[in-house]
N, C-alpha and C. Protein backbone atom coordinates (compact mmCIF):
# COMPACT_ATOMS: atom_id res chain seq x y z
N MET A 1 45.01 -48.28 171.79
CA MET A 1 45.12 -48.39 170.35
C MET A 1 44.17 -47.39 169.68
N PRO A 2 44.61 -46.69 168.62
CA PRO A 2 43.74 -45.73 167.94
C PRO A 2 42.51 -46.41 167.35
N LYS A 3 41.39 -45.70 167.42
CA LYS A 3 40.15 -46.25 166.88
C LYS A 3 39.16 -45.14 166.63
N ILE A 4 38.07 -45.47 165.96
CA ILE A 4 36.97 -44.55 165.73
C ILE A 4 35.94 -44.79 166.82
N ASP A 5 35.55 -43.73 167.51
CA ASP A 5 34.55 -43.79 168.57
C ASP A 5 33.18 -43.51 167.95
N ASP A 6 32.43 -44.57 167.69
CA ASP A 6 31.13 -44.43 167.04
C ASP A 6 30.07 -43.73 167.90
N SER A 7 30.38 -43.50 169.16
CA SER A 7 29.42 -42.79 170.00
C SER A 7 29.46 -41.27 169.74
N ARG A 8 30.49 -40.81 169.05
CA ARG A 8 30.61 -39.39 168.70
C ARG A 8 30.06 -39.17 167.29
N GLU A 9 29.43 -38.04 167.09
CA GLU A 9 28.90 -37.69 165.77
C GLU A 9 30.00 -37.04 164.93
N PHE A 10 30.11 -37.46 163.68
CA PHE A 10 31.08 -36.90 162.76
C PHE A 10 30.79 -35.42 162.53
N ILE A 11 31.84 -34.61 162.49
CA ILE A 11 31.72 -33.18 162.19
C ILE A 11 32.57 -32.90 160.96
N PRO A 12 31.93 -32.53 159.84
CA PRO A 12 32.72 -32.21 158.65
C PRO A 12 33.49 -30.90 158.85
N VAL A 13 34.68 -30.82 158.28
CA VAL A 13 35.44 -29.57 158.30
C VAL A 13 35.45 -28.97 156.90
N ASN A 14 35.59 -27.66 156.83
CA ASN A 14 35.65 -26.95 155.56
C ASN A 14 37.10 -26.80 155.14
N ILE A 15 37.41 -27.28 153.96
CA ILE A 15 38.79 -27.37 153.49
C ILE A 15 38.98 -26.55 152.21
N ALA A 16 40.11 -25.85 152.16
CA ALA A 16 40.55 -25.17 150.93
C ALA A 16 41.81 -25.89 150.45
N ILE A 17 41.88 -26.13 149.15
CA ILE A 17 43.00 -26.86 148.57
C ILE A 17 43.75 -25.94 147.61
N LEU A 18 45.05 -25.83 147.85
CA LEU A 18 45.91 -24.97 147.05
C LEU A 18 46.96 -25.81 146.32
N THR A 19 47.01 -25.68 145.02
CA THR A 19 48.07 -26.32 144.25
C THR A 19 49.10 -25.25 143.90
N VAL A 20 50.35 -25.52 144.26
CA VAL A 20 51.45 -24.60 143.97
C VAL A 20 52.25 -25.20 142.82
N SER A 21 52.19 -24.55 141.67
CA SER A 21 52.85 -25.09 140.49
C SER A 21 52.97 -24.03 139.41
N ASP A 22 54.08 -24.07 138.69
CA ASP A 22 54.27 -23.21 137.53
C ASP A 22 53.65 -23.82 136.27
N THR A 23 53.28 -25.09 136.34
CA THR A 23 52.84 -25.79 135.13
C THR A 23 51.44 -26.38 135.19
N ARG A 24 50.86 -26.56 136.35
CA ARG A 24 49.55 -27.21 136.46
C ARG A 24 48.41 -26.24 136.12
N SER A 25 47.32 -26.84 135.64
CA SER A 25 46.07 -26.11 135.42
C SER A 25 44.96 -26.95 136.03
N SER A 26 43.76 -26.41 136.07
CA SER A 26 42.65 -27.18 136.64
C SER A 26 42.39 -28.47 135.85
N ALA A 27 42.79 -28.50 134.58
CA ALA A 27 42.57 -29.68 133.74
C ALA A 27 43.51 -30.84 134.09
N ASP A 28 44.68 -30.54 134.67
CA ASP A 28 45.65 -31.61 134.93
C ASP A 28 46.20 -31.60 136.37
N ASP A 29 45.42 -31.07 137.29
CA ASP A 29 45.82 -31.00 138.70
C ASP A 29 45.44 -32.30 139.42
N ARG A 30 46.17 -33.37 139.13
CA ARG A 30 45.83 -34.68 139.68
C ARG A 30 45.98 -34.74 141.21
N SER A 31 46.98 -34.08 141.76
CA SER A 31 47.16 -34.10 143.21
C SER A 31 46.05 -33.34 143.91
N GLY A 32 45.69 -32.18 143.37
CA GLY A 32 44.56 -31.43 143.94
C GLY A 32 43.26 -32.22 143.83
N ASP A 33 43.09 -32.91 142.70
CA ASP A 33 41.90 -33.75 142.51
C ASP A 33 41.87 -34.89 143.53
N ALA A 34 43.03 -35.50 143.78
CA ALA A 34 43.09 -36.62 144.73
C ALA A 34 42.75 -36.14 146.14
N LEU A 35 43.30 -35.00 146.54
CA LEU A 35 42.98 -34.47 147.87
C LEU A 35 41.50 -34.13 147.98
N SER A 36 40.97 -33.49 146.97
CA SER A 36 39.55 -33.12 146.98
C SER A 36 38.66 -34.36 147.07
N ALA A 37 38.97 -35.35 146.26
CA ALA A 37 38.16 -36.59 146.27
C ALA A 37 38.21 -37.28 147.63
N ARG A 38 39.38 -37.33 148.24
CA ARG A 38 39.50 -37.98 149.55
C ARG A 38 38.75 -37.19 150.62
N ALA A 39 38.90 -35.88 150.61
CA ALA A 39 38.21 -35.05 151.60
C ALA A 39 36.70 -35.20 151.48
N ILE A 40 36.19 -35.08 150.28
CA ILE A 40 34.74 -35.22 150.05
C ILE A 40 34.30 -36.64 150.39
N GLY A 41 35.08 -37.63 150.00
CA GLY A 41 34.75 -39.02 150.29
C GLY A 41 34.66 -39.30 151.78
N ASP A 42 35.44 -38.55 152.57
CA ASP A 42 35.40 -38.72 154.03
C ASP A 42 34.32 -37.86 154.68
N GLY A 43 33.56 -37.12 153.90
CA GLY A 43 32.44 -36.35 154.45
C GLY A 43 32.74 -34.88 154.70
N HIS A 44 33.90 -34.39 154.30
CA HIS A 44 34.24 -32.99 154.50
C HIS A 44 33.76 -32.14 153.33
N VAL A 45 33.88 -30.84 153.45
CA VAL A 45 33.45 -29.92 152.42
C VAL A 45 34.67 -29.21 151.84
N VAL A 46 34.87 -29.34 150.54
CA VAL A 46 35.93 -28.58 149.88
C VAL A 46 35.29 -27.26 149.46
N ILE A 47 35.62 -26.23 150.23
CA ILE A 47 34.97 -24.94 150.07
C ILE A 47 35.60 -24.08 148.98
N ASP A 48 36.88 -24.35 148.67
CA ASP A 48 37.57 -23.58 147.64
C ASP A 48 38.80 -24.35 147.17
N ARG A 49 39.17 -24.09 145.92
CA ARG A 49 40.39 -24.64 145.33
C ARG A 49 41.03 -23.57 144.48
N SER A 50 42.36 -23.58 144.46
CA SER A 50 43.07 -22.58 143.68
C SER A 50 44.43 -23.13 143.26
N ILE A 51 44.97 -22.55 142.19
CA ILE A 51 46.31 -22.88 141.72
C ILE A 51 47.08 -21.56 141.66
N VAL A 52 48.27 -21.55 142.28
CA VAL A 52 49.15 -20.38 142.20
C VAL A 52 50.54 -20.83 141.78
N LYS A 53 51.27 -19.91 141.19
CA LYS A 53 52.65 -20.20 140.78
C LYS A 53 53.56 -20.27 142.00
N ASP A 54 54.73 -20.87 141.82
CA ASP A 54 55.72 -21.04 142.88
C ASP A 54 56.38 -19.70 143.21
N GLU A 55 55.64 -18.82 143.83
CA GLU A 55 56.15 -17.52 144.25
C GLU A 55 55.62 -17.23 145.64
N VAL A 56 56.52 -16.92 146.56
CA VAL A 56 56.14 -16.69 147.95
C VAL A 56 55.01 -15.67 148.05
N SER A 57 55.11 -14.56 147.33
CA SER A 57 54.08 -13.50 147.44
C SER A 57 52.70 -14.00 147.04
N LEU A 58 52.62 -14.83 146.00
CA LEU A 58 51.33 -15.36 145.56
C LEU A 58 50.78 -16.37 146.56
N ILE A 59 51.65 -17.21 147.09
CA ILE A 59 51.22 -18.19 148.09
C ILE A 59 50.73 -17.45 149.34
N LEU A 60 51.49 -16.47 149.80
CA LEU A 60 51.11 -15.71 150.99
C LEU A 60 49.79 -14.99 150.80
N LYS A 61 49.56 -14.43 149.64
CA LYS A 61 48.31 -13.72 149.36
C LYS A 61 47.12 -14.67 149.50
N LYS A 62 47.25 -15.87 148.92
CA LYS A 62 46.16 -16.85 149.00
C LYS A 62 45.98 -17.37 150.42
N LEU A 63 47.10 -17.66 151.11
CA LEU A 63 47.00 -18.12 152.50
C LEU A 63 46.33 -17.07 153.37
N ASP A 64 46.74 -15.82 153.23
CA ASP A 64 46.17 -14.74 154.03
C ASP A 64 44.66 -14.62 153.79
N TYR A 65 44.25 -14.70 152.54
CA TYR A 65 42.83 -14.63 152.20
C TYR A 65 42.05 -15.76 152.88
N TRP A 66 42.56 -16.98 152.77
CA TRP A 66 41.86 -18.13 153.33
C TRP A 66 41.92 -18.16 154.85
N ILE A 67 43.08 -17.80 155.43
CA ILE A 67 43.20 -17.80 156.89
C ILE A 67 42.22 -16.81 157.52
N ASN A 68 41.97 -15.74 156.84
CA ASN A 68 41.05 -14.72 157.35
C ASN A 68 39.59 -14.98 156.99
N ASN A 69 39.32 -16.09 156.36
CA ASN A 69 37.95 -16.49 156.05
C ASN A 69 37.47 -17.44 157.14
N PRO A 70 36.55 -16.99 158.00
CA PRO A 70 36.12 -17.84 159.12
C PRO A 70 35.41 -19.13 158.68
N ALA A 71 35.03 -19.23 157.43
CA ALA A 71 34.36 -20.44 156.95
C ALA A 71 35.36 -21.55 156.62
N ILE A 72 36.67 -21.24 156.59
CA ILE A 72 37.68 -22.25 156.25
C ILE A 72 38.38 -22.72 157.51
N ASP A 73 38.34 -24.03 157.74
CA ASP A 73 38.96 -24.65 158.91
C ASP A 73 40.36 -25.17 158.61
N VAL A 74 40.58 -25.63 157.38
CA VAL A 74 41.81 -26.33 157.02
C VAL A 74 42.24 -25.89 155.62
N ILE A 75 43.54 -25.65 155.47
CA ILE A 75 44.13 -25.39 154.16
C ILE A 75 45.15 -26.49 153.90
N ILE A 76 45.02 -27.13 152.73
CA ILE A 76 45.98 -28.16 152.34
C ILE A 76 46.56 -27.74 151.00
N SER A 77 47.89 -27.69 150.94
CA SER A 77 48.52 -27.39 149.65
C SER A 77 49.26 -28.61 149.14
N THR A 78 49.47 -28.60 147.84
CA THR A 78 50.25 -29.63 147.19
C THR A 78 51.23 -28.95 146.24
N GLY A 79 52.51 -29.32 146.36
CA GLY A 79 53.52 -28.78 145.48
C GLY A 79 54.44 -27.78 146.15
N GLY A 80 55.66 -27.70 145.62
CA GLY A 80 56.62 -26.70 146.07
C GLY A 80 57.34 -27.01 147.36
N THR A 81 57.37 -28.29 147.78
CA THR A 81 58.00 -28.63 149.05
C THR A 81 59.38 -29.27 148.90
N GLY A 82 59.88 -29.33 147.70
CA GLY A 82 61.23 -29.88 147.49
C GLY A 82 62.27 -28.83 147.84
N PHE A 83 63.45 -28.95 147.25
CA PHE A 83 64.46 -27.95 147.56
C PHE A 83 65.14 -27.37 146.32
N THR A 84 64.43 -27.38 145.20
CA THR A 84 64.95 -26.67 144.03
C THR A 84 64.74 -25.17 144.25
N GLY A 85 65.27 -24.38 143.37
CA GLY A 85 65.17 -22.93 143.51
C GLY A 85 63.75 -22.41 143.50
N ARG A 86 62.83 -23.08 142.84
CA ARG A 86 61.44 -22.62 142.77
C ARG A 86 60.57 -23.17 143.89
N ASP A 87 61.06 -24.10 144.69
CA ASP A 87 60.26 -24.70 145.77
C ASP A 87 60.27 -23.79 146.99
N VAL A 88 59.17 -23.05 147.18
CA VAL A 88 59.12 -22.06 148.26
C VAL A 88 57.89 -22.20 149.16
N THR A 89 57.13 -23.27 148.99
CA THR A 89 55.91 -23.42 149.79
C THR A 89 56.19 -23.47 151.30
N PRO A 90 57.17 -24.25 151.78
CA PRO A 90 57.40 -24.26 153.24
C PRO A 90 57.77 -22.88 153.79
N GLU A 91 58.54 -22.12 153.03
CA GLU A 91 58.92 -20.78 153.50
C GLU A 91 57.68 -19.89 153.64
N ALA A 92 56.78 -19.96 152.66
CA ALA A 92 55.55 -19.17 152.72
C ALA A 92 54.68 -19.60 153.90
N PHE A 93 54.51 -20.90 154.05
CA PHE A 93 53.67 -21.40 155.15
C PHE A 93 54.26 -21.02 156.50
N LYS A 94 55.55 -21.21 156.67
CA LYS A 94 56.18 -20.91 157.96
C LYS A 94 56.08 -19.42 158.29
N ALA A 95 55.98 -18.58 157.28
CA ALA A 95 55.85 -17.14 157.52
C ALA A 95 54.51 -16.78 158.17
N VAL A 96 53.50 -17.63 158.00
CA VAL A 96 52.19 -17.33 158.59
C VAL A 96 51.87 -18.17 159.83
N PHE A 97 52.63 -19.23 160.08
CA PHE A 97 52.35 -20.08 161.24
C PHE A 97 52.45 -19.29 162.54
N GLU A 98 51.48 -19.50 163.41
CA GLU A 98 51.62 -19.08 164.81
C GLU A 98 52.30 -20.19 165.59
N LYS A 99 51.95 -21.42 165.21
CA LYS A 99 52.58 -22.60 165.82
C LYS A 99 52.79 -23.62 164.72
N GLU A 100 53.95 -24.24 164.74
CA GLU A 100 54.24 -25.31 163.78
C GLU A 100 53.89 -26.65 164.41
N ILE A 101 53.38 -27.55 163.60
CA ILE A 101 53.10 -28.91 164.04
C ILE A 101 54.26 -29.77 163.54
N GLU A 102 55.35 -29.77 164.30
CA GLU A 102 56.59 -30.43 163.87
C GLU A 102 56.39 -31.90 163.55
N GLY A 103 55.57 -32.57 164.33
CA GLY A 103 55.37 -34.00 164.14
C GLY A 103 54.74 -34.37 162.82
N PHE A 104 54.05 -33.43 162.19
CA PHE A 104 53.42 -33.74 160.91
C PHE A 104 54.45 -34.12 159.85
N GLY A 105 55.45 -33.27 159.66
CA GLY A 105 56.48 -33.56 158.67
C GLY A 105 57.24 -34.84 158.98
N GLU A 106 57.51 -35.03 160.26
CA GLU A 106 58.22 -36.24 160.68
C GLU A 106 57.40 -37.48 160.37
N LEU A 107 56.12 -37.45 160.73
CA LEU A 107 55.25 -38.60 160.49
C LEU A 107 55.04 -38.82 158.99
N PHE A 108 54.86 -37.73 158.24
CA PHE A 108 54.69 -37.87 156.80
C PHE A 108 55.90 -38.58 156.19
N ARG A 109 57.10 -38.14 156.56
CA ARG A 109 58.30 -38.76 155.97
C ARG A 109 58.44 -40.22 156.41
N TRP A 110 58.01 -40.56 157.61
CA TRP A 110 58.05 -41.95 158.05
C TRP A 110 57.09 -42.80 157.20
N ILE A 111 55.89 -42.29 156.98
CA ILE A 111 54.92 -43.01 156.14
C ILE A 111 55.46 -43.13 154.72
N SER A 112 55.97 -42.03 154.21
CA SER A 112 56.51 -42.01 152.84
C SER A 112 57.70 -42.97 152.69
N TYR A 113 58.52 -43.05 153.71
CA TYR A 113 59.69 -43.95 153.67
C TYR A 113 59.28 -45.39 153.41
N GLN A 114 58.14 -45.79 153.94
CA GLN A 114 57.66 -47.16 153.76
C GLN A 114 57.42 -47.47 152.27
N LYS A 115 57.18 -46.43 151.47
CA LYS A 115 56.88 -46.63 150.04
C LYS A 115 58.01 -46.24 149.11
N ILE A 116 58.71 -45.14 149.43
CA ILE A 116 59.72 -44.66 148.48
C ILE A 116 61.13 -44.63 149.06
N GLY A 117 61.28 -45.19 150.24
CA GLY A 117 62.61 -45.29 150.84
C GLY A 117 63.23 -43.93 151.11
N THR A 118 64.53 -43.86 150.94
CA THR A 118 65.26 -42.65 151.30
C THR A 118 64.91 -41.44 150.43
N SER A 119 64.21 -41.64 149.34
CA SER A 119 63.80 -40.49 148.51
C SER A 119 62.90 -39.54 149.29
N THR A 120 62.28 -40.01 150.36
CA THR A 120 61.42 -39.15 151.17
C THR A 120 62.18 -37.98 151.78
N ILE A 121 63.49 -38.09 151.87
CA ILE A 121 64.29 -37.02 152.45
C ILE A 121 64.19 -35.73 151.63
N GLN A 122 63.74 -35.84 150.40
CA GLN A 122 63.60 -34.66 149.55
C GLN A 122 62.32 -33.88 149.81
N SER A 123 61.48 -34.36 150.70
CA SER A 123 60.24 -33.66 151.02
C SER A 123 60.42 -32.75 152.23
N ARG A 124 59.90 -31.55 152.12
CA ARG A 124 59.88 -30.62 153.24
C ARG A 124 58.43 -30.36 153.66
N ALA A 125 57.62 -31.40 153.71
CA ALA A 125 56.23 -31.26 154.14
C ALA A 125 56.19 -30.62 155.53
N VAL A 126 55.29 -29.64 155.70
CA VAL A 126 55.17 -28.94 156.97
C VAL A 126 53.70 -28.74 157.30
N ALA A 127 53.44 -28.43 158.57
CA ALA A 127 52.08 -28.12 159.01
C ALA A 127 52.15 -27.15 160.17
N GLY A 128 51.05 -26.43 160.35
CA GLY A 128 50.99 -25.49 161.45
C GLY A 128 49.59 -24.94 161.61
N VAL A 129 49.50 -23.93 162.47
CA VAL A 129 48.22 -23.29 162.78
C VAL A 129 48.41 -21.78 162.65
N ALA A 130 47.41 -21.11 162.07
CA ALA A 130 47.40 -19.65 162.00
C ALA A 130 45.96 -19.17 162.13
N LYS A 131 45.71 -18.30 163.09
CA LYS A 131 44.38 -17.73 163.32
C LYS A 131 43.29 -18.80 163.37
N GLY A 132 43.57 -19.89 164.04
CA GLY A 132 42.58 -20.95 164.21
C GLY A 132 42.40 -21.85 163.01
N THR A 133 43.23 -21.70 161.99
CA THR A 133 43.15 -22.50 160.78
C THR A 133 44.34 -23.45 160.72
N TYR A 134 44.07 -24.72 160.43
CA TYR A 134 45.15 -25.68 160.22
C TYR A 134 45.68 -25.52 158.80
N LEU A 135 47.01 -25.61 158.65
CA LEU A 135 47.64 -25.52 157.34
C LEU A 135 48.58 -26.72 157.16
N PHE A 136 48.45 -27.39 156.02
CA PHE A 136 49.28 -28.55 155.70
C PHE A 136 49.87 -28.36 154.31
N ALA A 137 51.19 -28.39 154.19
CA ALA A 137 51.86 -28.27 152.90
C ALA A 137 52.45 -29.62 152.53
N LEU A 138 51.93 -30.19 151.44
CA LEU A 138 52.31 -31.53 151.00
C LEU A 138 53.10 -31.46 149.70
N PRO A 139 53.88 -32.50 149.41
CA PRO A 139 54.56 -32.56 148.12
C PRO A 139 53.55 -32.59 146.97
N GLY A 140 54.05 -32.37 145.77
CA GLY A 140 53.18 -32.28 144.60
C GLY A 140 52.77 -33.59 143.97
N SER A 141 53.35 -34.69 144.37
CA SER A 141 52.97 -35.95 143.73
C SER A 141 51.65 -36.47 144.29
N THR A 142 50.90 -37.11 143.42
CA THR A 142 49.62 -37.69 143.84
C THR A 142 49.83 -38.73 144.93
N GLY A 143 50.88 -39.53 144.81
CA GLY A 143 51.16 -40.54 145.82
C GLY A 143 51.43 -39.93 147.18
N ALA A 144 52.18 -38.84 147.21
CA ALA A 144 52.47 -38.18 148.48
C ALA A 144 51.19 -37.61 149.10
N CYS A 145 50.34 -37.05 148.26
CA CYS A 145 49.08 -36.49 148.78
C CYS A 145 48.17 -37.58 149.35
N THR A 146 48.07 -38.70 148.64
CA THR A 146 47.23 -39.78 149.15
C THR A 146 47.85 -40.40 150.41
N ASP A 147 49.17 -40.50 150.46
CA ASP A 147 49.82 -41.00 151.67
C ASP A 147 49.53 -40.10 152.86
N ALA A 148 49.63 -38.79 152.68
CA ALA A 148 49.37 -37.85 153.77
C ALA A 148 47.92 -37.91 154.21
N TRP A 149 47.00 -37.97 153.23
CA TRP A 149 45.59 -38.03 153.61
C TRP A 149 45.27 -39.36 154.30
N ASP A 150 45.62 -40.45 153.66
CA ASP A 150 45.26 -41.77 154.20
C ASP A 150 45.98 -42.07 155.51
N GLY A 151 47.24 -41.64 155.62
CA GLY A 151 48.04 -41.98 156.79
C GLY A 151 47.93 -41.02 157.96
N ILE A 152 47.48 -39.78 157.72
CA ILE A 152 47.43 -38.79 158.80
C ILE A 152 46.10 -38.05 158.83
N LEU A 153 45.79 -37.34 157.76
CA LEU A 153 44.66 -36.41 157.77
C LEU A 153 43.30 -37.11 157.89
N HIS A 154 43.17 -38.27 157.29
CA HIS A 154 41.91 -39.03 157.39
C HIS A 154 41.47 -39.17 158.85
N ASN A 155 42.39 -39.54 159.72
CA ASN A 155 42.07 -39.71 161.13
C ASN A 155 42.10 -38.41 161.92
N GLN A 156 43.09 -37.58 161.67
CA GLN A 156 43.22 -36.36 162.47
C GLN A 156 42.14 -35.33 162.17
N LEU A 157 41.49 -35.42 161.03
CA LEU A 157 40.38 -34.51 160.72
C LEU A 157 39.03 -35.16 160.99
N ASP A 158 39.03 -36.21 161.78
CA ASP A 158 37.80 -36.91 162.17
C ASP A 158 37.67 -36.84 163.69
N ILE A 159 36.68 -36.10 164.16
CA ILE A 159 36.50 -35.91 165.61
C ILE A 159 36.27 -37.22 166.35
N ARG A 160 35.89 -38.25 165.64
CA ARG A 160 35.63 -39.54 166.28
C ARG A 160 36.91 -40.34 166.53
N HIS A 161 38.04 -39.90 165.97
CA HIS A 161 39.29 -40.63 166.13
C HIS A 161 39.81 -40.49 167.55
N ARG A 162 40.14 -41.61 168.16
CA ARG A 162 40.67 -41.64 169.52
C ARG A 162 42.07 -42.20 169.51
N PRO A 163 42.96 -41.76 170.35
CA PRO A 163 42.68 -41.02 171.57
C PRO A 163 42.57 -39.50 171.39
N CYS A 164 43.02 -38.94 170.27
CA CYS A 164 42.87 -37.50 170.08
C CYS A 164 42.91 -37.18 168.59
N ASN A 165 42.52 -35.96 168.25
CA ASN A 165 42.48 -35.53 166.86
C ASN A 165 42.52 -34.01 166.79
N PHE A 166 42.75 -33.48 165.60
CA PHE A 166 42.82 -32.03 165.42
C PHE A 166 41.47 -31.34 165.58
N VAL A 167 40.39 -32.00 165.21
CA VAL A 167 39.07 -31.37 165.20
C VAL A 167 38.61 -31.01 166.61
N GLU A 168 38.83 -31.90 167.56
CA GLU A 168 38.33 -31.63 168.91
C GLU A 168 38.99 -30.44 169.58
N ILE A 169 40.18 -30.05 169.12
CA ILE A 169 40.82 -28.88 169.74
C ILE A 169 40.65 -27.60 168.90
N MET A 170 39.95 -27.68 167.79
CA MET A 170 39.74 -26.50 166.96
C MET A 170 39.15 -25.32 167.75
N PRO A 171 38.18 -25.54 168.61
CA PRO A 171 37.62 -24.39 169.35
C PRO A 171 38.63 -23.68 170.26
N ARG A 172 39.74 -24.34 170.56
CA ARG A 172 40.73 -23.76 171.48
C ARG A 172 41.95 -23.18 170.77
N LEU A 173 41.99 -23.22 169.46
CA LEU A 173 43.18 -22.77 168.74
C LEU A 173 43.43 -21.27 168.86
N ARG A 174 42.41 -20.51 169.20
CA ARG A 174 42.56 -19.05 169.27
C ARG A 174 42.51 -18.53 170.71
N GLU A 175 42.71 -19.40 171.69
CA GLU A 175 42.65 -18.98 173.09
C GLU A 175 43.62 -17.85 173.41
N HIS A 176 44.79 -17.88 172.82
CA HIS A 176 45.79 -16.85 173.11
C HIS A 176 45.31 -15.46 172.71
N GLU A 177 44.43 -15.36 171.73
CA GLU A 177 43.90 -14.07 171.32
C GLU A 177 43.03 -13.46 172.41
N LEU A 178 42.29 -14.31 173.09
CA LEU A 178 41.41 -13.84 174.17
C LEU A 178 42.21 -13.38 175.38
N SER A 179 43.34 -14.04 175.61
CA SER A 179 44.15 -13.71 176.80
C SER A 179 45.11 -12.56 176.53
N GLY A 180 45.30 -12.20 175.25
CA GLY A 180 46.24 -11.15 174.91
C GLY A 180 47.68 -11.63 174.84
N ARG A 181 47.90 -12.92 175.06
CA ARG A 181 49.25 -13.48 174.98
C ARG A 181 49.53 -13.97 173.59
N ARG A 182 50.77 -13.88 173.20
CA ARG A 182 51.20 -14.43 171.91
C ARG A 182 51.49 -15.92 172.09
N PRO A 183 51.26 -16.69 171.02
CA PRO A 183 51.56 -18.13 171.12
C PRO A 183 53.04 -18.38 171.33
């Protein structure tokens, strides 16, 4: 059964939060605020926050900047995961993934289903890894962000979580670079 192993010391991760929206500003970014509050509340460091419009080029520019910053361990975005014409976050994220974490979207939609039923099918939440950085693209609603944090990220970003978690394998995410092999 999953549990917290109190014999291990907590290791905070450095997180960047990206809000993808044509309409949000720092004054009304409730989903970004919710993610930031949960991350800080769990002992992590929110190292940067940004808002970009729903444009692949702008999302890619910000992802590239953060992925290449060795101080950032995790990027979490909110917004742009639906399937309207302006929803392009999954396409941008998938363009930079070296490896996709397929189970993330599946698990997110299962958790979401418990609260919003079949409406969860409209979410294209995705996750992956690029250059040793974890990337998570979440829907824009505050409820979806809190569901993803509380139901998945809270435990997976805690090295004390057993039987396994994302933090304990962070040092090995770039092994393929040392071997010269592509992922």
